[in-house]
């Protein structure tokens, strides 16, 4: 009876490890990002603005995975529209701070997504990831323009 249990245990362990390794080797083709905005509730503004956004990235993928022995990287795209997600989150945050959003307001905020990507370099036992985010926000009023770039 003991010799029968050892092969069964060995078979179960082998099957479990195969499934575990198979799960690790499959990578997603798309990633869904849901940005969140942290508010500074101390500042309240009463004004009306129009919000516009543009995705000016040269590459539309979010993640590039570079394997140690492969020339081409695996590219993973966004499952949702990043421009709309970022504009929606910022618009909601600004409305919570007292800004009214109207399409034809004389004061306009433009959000330009310049870079948004992660690079992952993988080897057999480790990986190194680096992310780049660059967003430019421009506030246009009838009398002046202010532009600020945010980076990480």
N, C-alpha and C. Protein backbone atom coordinates (compact mmCIF):
# COMPACT_ATOMS: atom_id res chain seq x y z
N UNK A 1 0.81 -1.19 0.00
CA UNK A 1 0.00 0.00 0.00
C UNK A 1 0.86 1.26 0.00
N UNK A 2 1.95 1.28 0.71
CA UNK A 2 2.82 2.45 0.74
C UNK A 2 3.40 2.73 -0.64
N UNK A 3 3.88 1.73 -1.42
CA UNK A 3 4.37 2.04 -2.75
C UNK A 3 3.30 2.67 -3.65
N UNK A 4 2.03 2.35 -3.44
CA UNK A 4 0.98 2.96 -4.24
C UNK A 4 0.78 4.43 -3.91
N UNK A 5 0.92 4.81 -2.65
CA UNK A 5 0.71 6.20 -2.25
C UNK A 5 1.83 7.10 -2.74
N UNK A 6 3.05 6.62 -2.74
CA UNK A 6 4.16 7.47 -3.20
C UNK A 6 4.02 7.86 -4.66
N UNK A 7 3.72 6.93 -5.59
CA UNK A 7 3.51 7.37 -6.96
C UNK A 7 2.33 8.31 -7.09
N UNK A 8 1.27 8.12 -6.32
CA UNK A 8 0.12 9.02 -6.38
C UNK A 8 0.50 10.42 -5.91
N UNK A 9 1.27 10.48 -4.83
CA UNK A 9 1.73 11.76 -4.32
C UNK A 9 2.67 12.43 -5.32
N UNK A 10 3.56 11.64 -5.89
CA UNK A 10 4.50 12.16 -6.88
C UNK A 10 3.74 12.66 -8.12
N UNK A 11 2.75 11.92 -8.54
CA UNK A 11 1.94 12.33 -9.69
C UNK A 11 1.20 13.62 -9.40
N UNK A 12 0.62 13.71 -8.21
CA UNK A 12 -0.11 14.92 -7.83
C UNK A 12 0.83 16.12 -7.76
N UNK A 13 2.02 15.95 -7.18
CA UNK A 13 2.99 17.05 -7.11
C UNK A 13 3.45 17.48 -8.49
N UNK A 14 3.71 16.51 -9.36
CA UNK A 14 4.15 16.82 -10.72
C UNK A 14 3.06 17.59 -11.47
N UNK A 15 1.82 17.12 -11.35
CA UNK A 15 0.72 17.80 -12.00
C UNK A 15 0.54 19.22 -11.46
N UNK A 16 0.63 19.37 -10.13
CA UNK A 16 0.50 20.69 -9.51
C UNK A 16 1.59 21.64 -9.96
N UNK A 17 2.83 21.18 -10.00
CA UNK A 17 3.94 22.04 -10.44
C UNK A 17 3.79 22.42 -11.91
N UNK A 18 3.35 21.48 -12.74
CA UNK A 18 3.14 21.78 -14.16
C UNK A 18 2.08 22.86 -14.34
N UNK A 19 0.98 22.74 -13.60
CA UNK A 19 -0.07 23.77 -13.68
C UNK A 19 0.43 25.11 -13.17
N UNK A 20 1.21 25.09 -12.09
CA UNK A 20 1.75 26.33 -11.53
C UNK A 20 2.70 27.00 -12.49
N UNK A 21 3.59 26.24 -13.09
CA UNK A 21 4.53 26.81 -14.06
C UNK A 21 3.81 27.28 -15.31
N UNK A 22 2.79 26.57 -15.72
CA UNK A 22 2.02 26.99 -16.89
C UNK A 22 1.31 28.31 -16.63
N UNK A 23 0.81 28.50 -15.42
CA UNK A 23 0.14 29.75 -15.07
C UNK A 23 1.12 30.91 -15.04
N UNK A 24 2.34 30.65 -14.61
CA UNK A 24 3.36 31.71 -14.55
C UNK A 24 3.82 32.13 -15.94
N UNK A 25 3.79 31.21 -16.89
CA UNK A 25 4.33 31.53 -18.21
C UNK A 25 3.35 32.30 -19.08
N UNK A 26 2.07 32.26 -18.78
CA UNK A 26 1.11 32.99 -19.61
C UNK A 26 1.04 34.44 -19.14
N UNK A 27 1.11 35.37 -20.09
CA UNK A 27 1.10 36.78 -19.78
C UNK A 27 -0.11 37.43 -20.41
N UNK A 28 -0.67 38.45 -19.79
CA UNK A 28 -1.85 39.10 -20.36
C UNK A 28 -1.49 39.86 -21.62
N UNK A 29 -2.46 40.00 -22.51
CA UNK A 29 -2.26 40.78 -23.73
C UNK A 29 -2.69 42.22 -23.54
N UNK A 30 -3.56 42.47 -22.55
CA UNK A 30 -4.03 43.81 -22.26
C UNK A 30 -4.12 44.01 -20.75
N UNK A 31 -3.94 45.25 -20.34
CA UNK A 31 -4.02 45.61 -18.93
C UNK A 31 -5.02 46.75 -18.81
N UNK A 32 -5.86 46.69 -17.79
CA UNK A 32 -6.82 47.77 -17.57
C UNK A 32 -6.34 48.63 -16.41
N UNK A 33 -6.11 49.90 -16.69
CA UNK A 33 -5.68 50.84 -15.67
C UNK A 33 -6.88 51.63 -15.18
N UNK A 34 -6.95 51.84 -13.89
CA UNK A 34 -7.99 52.68 -13.31
C UNK A 34 -7.30 53.71 -12.42
N UNK A 35 -6.96 54.87 -12.98
CA UNK A 35 -6.26 55.88 -12.20
C UNK A 35 -7.13 56.44 -11.09
N UNK A 36 -6.50 56.81 -10.00
CA UNK A 36 -7.18 57.41 -8.85
C UNK A 36 -6.53 58.76 -8.56
N UNK A 37 -7.32 59.72 -8.13
CA UNK A 37 -6.84 61.07 -7.82
C UNK A 37 -7.03 61.31 -6.33
N UNK A 38 -5.98 61.79 -5.67
CA UNK A 38 -6.08 62.16 -4.27
C UNK A 38 -6.36 63.66 -4.20
N UNK A 39 -7.36 64.02 -3.42
CA UNK A 39 -7.78 65.42 -3.35
C UNK A 39 -7.19 66.13 -2.14
N UNK A 40 -6.91 67.41 -2.35
CA UNK A 40 -6.58 68.30 -1.25
C UNK A 40 -7.86 69.05 -0.94
N UNK A 41 -8.60 68.59 0.06
CA UNK A 41 -9.92 69.15 0.32
C UNK A 41 -9.88 70.54 0.95
N UNK A 42 -8.71 71.01 1.33
CA UNK A 42 -8.62 72.34 1.94
C UNK A 42 -8.85 73.44 0.93
N UNK A 43 -8.54 73.18 -0.36
CA UNK A 43 -8.69 74.20 -1.38
C UNK A 43 -10.01 74.02 -2.11
N UNK A 44 -10.86 75.02 -2.06
CA UNK A 44 -12.12 75.02 -2.79
C UNK A 44 -12.12 76.21 -3.74
N UNK A 45 -12.47 75.96 -4.99
CA UNK A 45 -12.46 76.99 -6.03
C UNK A 45 -13.84 77.03 -6.65
N UNK A 46 -14.36 78.22 -6.90
CA UNK A 46 -15.63 78.37 -7.60
C UNK A 46 -15.36 79.02 -8.94
N UNK A 47 -15.35 78.20 -9.98
CA UNK A 47 -15.08 78.69 -11.32
C UNK A 47 -15.67 77.71 -12.32
N UNK A 48 -15.77 78.14 -13.57
CA UNK A 48 -16.28 77.28 -14.64
C UNK A 48 -15.16 77.07 -15.65
N UNK A 49 -14.95 75.82 -16.04
CA UNK A 49 -13.88 75.49 -16.97
C UNK A 49 -14.38 74.53 -18.04
N UNK A 50 -13.62 74.42 -19.10
CA UNK A 50 -13.80 73.38 -20.11
C UNK A 50 -12.58 72.48 -20.02
N UNK A 51 -12.76 71.19 -20.16
CA UNK A 51 -11.65 70.25 -20.08
C UNK A 51 -11.51 69.53 -21.41
N UNK A 52 -10.27 69.44 -21.85
CA UNK A 52 -9.95 68.75 -23.10
C UNK A 52 -8.71 67.90 -22.84
N UNK A 53 -8.59 66.77 -23.49
CA UNK A 53 -7.41 65.93 -23.30
C UNK A 53 -6.96 65.35 -24.64
N UNK A 54 -5.67 65.03 -24.70
CA UNK A 54 -5.07 64.45 -25.90
C UNK A 54 -4.08 63.39 -25.48
N UNK A 55 -4.05 62.29 -26.22
CA UNK A 55 -3.05 61.25 -26.00
C UNK A 55 -1.99 61.43 -27.08
N UNK A 56 -0.86 62.01 -26.71
CA UNK A 56 0.20 62.32 -27.68
C UNK A 56 1.36 61.34 -27.63
N UNK A 57 1.14 60.18 -27.04
CA UNK A 57 2.22 59.19 -26.94
C UNK A 57 2.58 58.67 -28.33
N UNK A 58 3.85 58.43 -28.55
CA UNK A 58 4.28 57.87 -29.83
C UNK A 58 4.01 56.36 -29.88
N UNK A 59 3.99 55.70 -28.73
CA UNK A 59 3.69 54.27 -28.65
C UNK A 59 2.39 54.07 -27.88
N UNK A 60 1.53 53.22 -28.36
CA UNK A 60 0.23 53.01 -27.74
C UNK A 60 0.23 51.87 -26.72
N UNK A 61 1.33 51.16 -26.56
CA UNK A 61 1.37 50.09 -25.58
C UNK A 61 1.71 50.65 -24.20
N UNK A 62 1.36 49.90 -23.16
CA UNK A 62 1.65 50.32 -21.79
C UNK A 62 2.88 49.64 -21.23
N UNK A 63 3.06 48.37 -21.56
CA UNK A 63 4.16 47.58 -20.98
C UNK A 63 4.91 46.91 -22.10
N UNK A 64 6.23 46.99 -22.05
CA UNK A 64 7.06 46.22 -22.98
C UNK A 64 7.91 45.28 -22.14
N UNK A 65 7.80 43.99 -22.44
CA UNK A 65 8.54 42.97 -21.69
C UNK A 65 9.66 42.47 -22.57
N UNK A 66 10.89 42.63 -22.08
CA UNK A 66 12.08 42.26 -22.83
C UNK A 66 12.70 41.02 -22.18
N UNK A 67 12.67 39.89 -22.91
CA UNK A 67 13.28 38.66 -22.42
C UNK A 67 14.78 38.71 -22.69
N UNK A 68 15.54 38.05 -21.86
CA UNK A 68 17.00 38.11 -21.94
C UNK A 68 17.54 37.64 -23.28
N UNK A 69 16.98 36.56 -23.85
CA UNK A 69 17.54 36.00 -25.07
C UNK A 69 16.69 36.27 -26.32
N UNK A 70 15.78 37.22 -26.26
CA UNK A 70 14.92 37.50 -27.40
C UNK A 70 15.12 38.92 -27.88
N UNK A 71 15.07 39.08 -29.20
CA UNK A 71 15.26 40.41 -29.78
C UNK A 71 14.02 41.29 -29.61
N UNK A 72 12.85 40.72 -29.91
CA UNK A 72 11.63 41.51 -29.87
C UNK A 72 10.99 41.46 -28.48
N UNK A 73 10.44 42.58 -28.10
CA UNK A 73 9.75 42.67 -26.82
C UNK A 73 8.28 42.29 -26.99
N UNK A 74 7.69 41.78 -25.92
CA UNK A 74 6.25 41.53 -25.91
C UNK A 74 5.59 42.82 -25.46
N UNK A 75 4.63 43.30 -26.23
CA UNK A 75 3.96 44.56 -25.94
C UNK A 75 2.56 44.29 -25.41
N UNK A 76 2.22 44.96 -24.31
CA UNK A 76 0.90 44.81 -23.70
C UNK A 76 0.20 46.16 -23.75
N UNK A 77 -0.98 46.16 -24.33
CA UNK A 77 -1.75 47.40 -24.52
C UNK A 77 -2.73 47.60 -23.37
N UNK A 78 -3.36 48.75 -23.39
CA UNK A 78 -4.38 49.07 -22.41
C UNK A 78 -5.72 48.50 -22.87
N UNK A 79 -6.47 47.94 -21.94
CA UNK A 79 -7.79 47.41 -22.26
C UNK A 79 -8.84 48.52 -22.31
N UNK A 80 -8.54 49.66 -21.70
CA UNK A 80 -9.48 50.77 -21.71
C UNK A 80 -8.83 52.00 -22.34
N UNK A 81 -9.61 53.02 -22.62
CA UNK A 81 -9.11 54.24 -23.22
C UNK A 81 -8.47 55.10 -22.12
N UNK A 82 -7.15 55.15 -22.10
CA UNK A 82 -6.42 55.87 -21.05
C UNK A 82 -6.74 57.35 -21.02
N UNK A 83 -6.83 57.95 -22.17
CA UNK A 83 -7.11 59.39 -22.24
C UNK A 83 -8.43 59.70 -21.56
N UNK A 84 -9.45 58.93 -21.88
CA UNK A 84 -10.76 59.16 -21.28
C UNK A 84 -10.74 58.88 -19.77
N UNK A 85 -10.04 57.83 -19.36
CA UNK A 85 -9.97 57.50 -17.93
C UNK A 85 -9.30 58.60 -17.13
N UNK A 86 -8.18 59.10 -17.64
CA UNK A 86 -7.45 60.17 -16.94
C UNK A 86 -8.28 61.45 -16.93
N UNK A 87 -8.87 61.81 -18.06
CA UNK A 87 -9.70 63.02 -18.12
C UNK A 87 -10.88 62.91 -17.16
N UNK A 88 -11.52 61.76 -17.12
CA UNK A 88 -12.68 61.57 -16.26
C UNK A 88 -12.30 61.68 -14.78
N UNK A 89 -11.19 61.06 -14.38
CA UNK A 89 -10.77 61.11 -12.97
C UNK A 89 -10.39 62.53 -12.57
N UNK A 90 -9.65 63.23 -13.41
CA UNK A 90 -9.27 64.61 -13.09
C UNK A 90 -10.49 65.53 -13.09
N UNK A 91 -11.40 65.33 -14.02
CA UNK A 91 -12.62 66.14 -14.07
C UNK A 91 -13.44 65.96 -12.80
N UNK A 92 -13.61 64.72 -12.36
CA UNK A 92 -14.35 64.46 -11.12
C UNK A 92 -13.68 65.10 -9.91
N UNK A 93 -12.34 65.00 -9.86
CA UNK A 93 -11.61 65.59 -8.73
C UNK A 93 -11.76 67.11 -8.71
N UNK A 94 -11.65 67.73 -9.88
CA UNK A 94 -11.78 69.19 -9.94
C UNK A 94 -13.21 69.63 -9.62
N UNK A 95 -14.20 68.87 -10.03
CA UNK A 95 -15.58 69.20 -9.68
C UNK A 95 -15.80 69.10 -8.18
N UNK A 96 -15.17 68.13 -7.53
CA UNK A 96 -15.29 68.01 -6.08
C UNK A 96 -14.64 69.19 -5.36
N UNK A 97 -13.72 69.86 -6.04
CA UNK A 97 -13.07 71.03 -5.46
C UNK A 97 -13.77 72.33 -5.85
N UNK A 98 -14.92 72.22 -6.50
CA UNK A 98 -15.70 73.41 -6.77
C UNK A 98 -15.67 73.93 -8.19
N UNK A 99 -14.96 73.27 -9.10
CA UNK A 99 -14.94 73.72 -10.49
C UNK A 99 -16.15 73.16 -11.23
N UNK A 100 -16.82 74.01 -11.98
CA UNK A 100 -17.90 73.57 -12.84
C UNK A 100 -17.35 73.27 -14.23
N UNK A 101 -17.76 72.17 -14.83
CA UNK A 101 -17.25 71.78 -16.14
C UNK A 101 -18.34 72.01 -17.18
N UNK A 102 -18.02 72.89 -18.17
CA UNK A 102 -18.93 73.22 -19.26
C UNK A 102 -18.10 73.19 -20.54
N UNK A 103 -18.67 72.66 -21.62
CA UNK A 103 -17.91 72.47 -22.86
C UNK A 103 -17.39 73.77 -23.47
N UNK A 104 -18.12 74.88 -23.35
CA UNK A 104 -17.71 76.12 -24.03
C UNK A 104 -17.29 77.22 -23.05
N UNK A 105 -16.69 76.86 -21.94
CA UNK A 105 -16.26 77.86 -20.95
C UNK A 105 -15.05 78.64 -21.49
N UNK A 106 -14.92 79.91 -21.10
CA UNK A 106 -13.78 80.71 -21.56
C UNK A 106 -12.45 80.26 -20.95
N UNK A 107 -12.49 79.61 -19.81
CA UNK A 107 -11.28 79.08 -19.20
C UNK A 107 -11.21 77.59 -19.55
N UNK A 108 -10.03 77.15 -20.01
CA UNK A 108 -9.89 75.78 -20.52
C UNK A 108 -8.68 75.10 -19.89
N UNK A 109 -8.85 73.85 -19.52
CA UNK A 109 -7.75 73.01 -19.05
C UNK A 109 -7.51 71.94 -20.10
N UNK A 110 -6.27 71.83 -20.56
CA UNK A 110 -5.90 70.81 -21.55
C UNK A 110 -4.93 69.84 -20.89
N UNK A 111 -5.23 68.57 -20.97
CA UNK A 111 -4.39 67.51 -20.42
C UNK A 111 -3.75 66.78 -21.59
N UNK A 112 -2.43 66.81 -21.67
CA UNK A 112 -1.70 66.10 -22.73
C UNK A 112 -0.93 64.95 -22.11
N UNK A 113 -1.24 63.74 -22.56
CA UNK A 113 -0.50 62.56 -22.11
C UNK A 113 0.69 62.41 -23.05
N UNK A 114 1.88 62.67 -22.54
CA UNK A 114 3.09 62.65 -23.36
C UNK A 114 3.79 61.29 -23.34
N UNK A 115 3.88 60.70 -22.17
CA UNK A 115 4.49 59.37 -22.01
C UNK A 115 3.76 58.63 -20.90
N UNK A 116 3.56 57.35 -21.11
CA UNK A 116 2.95 56.50 -20.10
C UNK A 116 3.29 55.07 -20.47
N UNK A 117 4.36 54.54 -19.90
CA UNK A 117 4.81 53.20 -20.28
C UNK A 117 5.69 52.60 -19.19
N UNK A 118 5.73 51.28 -19.18
CA UNK A 118 6.64 50.55 -18.30
C UNK A 118 7.47 49.60 -19.14
N UNK A 119 8.72 49.46 -18.77
CA UNK A 119 9.63 48.53 -19.44
C UNK A 119 10.05 47.50 -18.40
N UNK A 120 9.90 46.23 -18.76
CA UNK A 120 10.29 45.14 -17.88
C UNK A 120 11.38 44.34 -18.57
N UNK A 121 12.52 44.24 -17.93
CA UNK A 121 13.62 43.40 -18.42
C UNK A 121 13.64 42.13 -17.59
N UNK A 122 13.43 40.99 -18.28
CA UNK A 122 13.33 39.70 -17.60
C UNK A 122 14.51 38.82 -17.93
N UNK A 123 14.97 38.11 -16.92
CA UNK A 123 15.91 37.00 -17.13
C UNK A 123 15.27 35.78 -16.50
N UNK A 124 15.99 34.69 -16.43
CA UNK A 124 15.37 33.46 -15.93
C UNK A 124 15.00 33.52 -14.46
N UNK A 125 15.68 34.32 -13.66
CA UNK A 125 15.40 34.32 -12.22
C UNK A 125 15.04 35.69 -11.64
N UNK A 126 15.10 36.75 -12.43
CA UNK A 126 14.77 38.06 -11.89
C UNK A 126 14.22 38.96 -12.99
N UNK A 127 13.70 40.08 -12.56
CA UNK A 127 13.23 41.08 -13.51
C UNK A 127 13.49 42.47 -12.92
N UNK A 128 13.55 43.44 -13.82
CA UNK A 128 13.71 44.83 -13.40
C UNK A 128 12.70 45.64 -14.20
N UNK A 129 11.93 46.46 -13.49
CA UNK A 129 10.89 47.26 -14.15
C UNK A 129 11.15 48.74 -13.93
N UNK A 130 10.88 49.51 -14.96
CA UNK A 130 10.97 50.97 -14.83
C UNK A 130 9.77 51.57 -15.56
N UNK A 131 9.18 52.59 -14.95
CA UNK A 131 8.00 53.23 -15.52
C UNK A 131 8.26 54.70 -15.76
N UNK A 132 7.65 55.22 -16.81
CA UNK A 132 7.77 56.63 -17.15
C UNK A 132 6.37 57.20 -17.36
N UNK A 133 6.11 58.29 -16.67
CA UNK A 133 4.85 59.00 -16.84
C UNK A 133 5.18 60.48 -17.03
N UNK A 134 4.63 61.06 -18.09
CA UNK A 134 4.77 62.50 -18.33
C UNK A 134 3.44 63.03 -18.81
N UNK A 135 2.87 63.92 -18.04
CA UNK A 135 1.59 64.54 -18.38
C UNK A 135 1.76 66.05 -18.30
N UNK A 136 1.27 66.74 -19.29
CA UNK A 136 1.31 68.20 -19.31
C UNK A 136 -0.10 68.72 -19.13
N UNK A 137 -0.26 69.68 -18.22
CA UNK A 137 -1.55 70.31 -17.97
C UNK A 137 -1.41 71.79 -18.29
N UNK A 138 -2.27 72.30 -19.17
CA UNK A 138 -2.26 73.70 -19.56
C UNK A 138 -3.58 74.33 -19.18
N UNK A 139 -3.50 75.47 -18.50
CA UNK A 139 -4.69 76.24 -18.13
C UNK A 139 -4.67 77.51 -18.96
N UNK A 140 -5.70 77.67 -19.79
CA UNK A 140 -5.84 78.85 -20.63
C UNK A 140 -7.00 79.70 -20.11
N UNK A 141 -6.70 80.97 -19.86
CA UNK A 141 -7.74 81.94 -19.51
C UNK A 141 -7.69 83.03 -20.57
N UNK A 142 -8.67 83.90 -20.62
CA UNK A 142 -8.63 84.97 -21.62
C UNK A 142 -7.39 85.87 -21.48
N UNK A 143 -6.79 85.93 -20.31
CA UNK A 143 -5.67 86.84 -20.13
C UNK A 143 -4.29 86.17 -20.03
N UNK A 144 -4.24 84.87 -19.73
CA UNK A 144 -2.92 84.22 -19.59
C UNK A 144 -3.01 82.71 -19.78
N UNK A 145 -1.82 82.10 -19.92
CA UNK A 145 -1.71 80.65 -20.07
C UNK A 145 -0.65 80.14 -19.10
N UNK A 146 -0.96 79.04 -18.44
CA UNK A 146 -0.03 78.40 -17.51
C UNK A 146 0.09 76.93 -17.91
N UNK A 147 1.34 76.46 -18.06
CA UNK A 147 1.58 75.06 -18.40
C UNK A 147 2.49 74.44 -17.36
N UNK A 148 2.15 73.24 -16.92
CA UNK A 148 2.95 72.51 -15.93
C UNK A 148 3.05 71.06 -16.40
N UNK A 149 4.30 70.53 -16.34
CA UNK A 149 4.51 69.12 -16.67
C UNK A 149 4.70 68.33 -15.39
N UNK A 150 4.07 67.16 -15.34
CA UNK A 150 4.20 66.25 -14.21
C UNK A 150 4.91 65.01 -14.70
N UNK A 151 5.94 64.57 -13.96
CA UNK A 151 6.75 63.41 -14.35
C UNK A 151 6.92 62.47 -13.19
N UNK A 152 7.21 61.25 -13.54
CA UNK A 152 7.61 60.29 -12.51
C UNK A 152 8.78 59.47 -13.01
